[in-house]
Amino acid sequence: TGIWCARTLGSEVTSVDADPDVFPFLEATAELNGVEITPLVSRFEKLTTRQLAEFDMLVAADICFWDELVNPVYNLVKRAVKAGVKKVVIADPERSTFFDMAHRCEDKFCADIIEWRTKKPVKASGALMVLENA
């Protein structure tokens, strides 16, 4: 998603993952697309409000896949709101853990939960949690 944003929108992108072994693949993919990304090795719990204040938008996909991640992801969103991040978008293939987190954001921050489906070229479904922080 970040590489697409960099290539299509000219966005400055910081990619975050707790596993440093992800970044050689990500950097190779960015190079193939003619863009640069800034890698940041960090866990959700370690991203501070001060760090998040440097960003306009937080975009994530497939990050709330275990029960143990519901609170860390929710708390990340809470810190992002406090930091003044203007928009938070989290995508998921409709796991119950994602919906637990997203409904908490819906209740606390008036986030929207948008379910989507495609039929072509591949039948797929998922959901987005979209939070506008005005």
Foldseek 3Di string as FASTA:
>chain_A
DQLCCCLVVVDAAEDEEQDPVVPVVVQVVSVVSVGDHHYDRDDLQPCALVNLLVAQEAEEEAQQDDLVCLVSVLVSVVSNLVSPRFKYKYKYQDDVRVVSNLVVCCVPQVWDKAKDFDVPPHTGIIIMTMGGRD
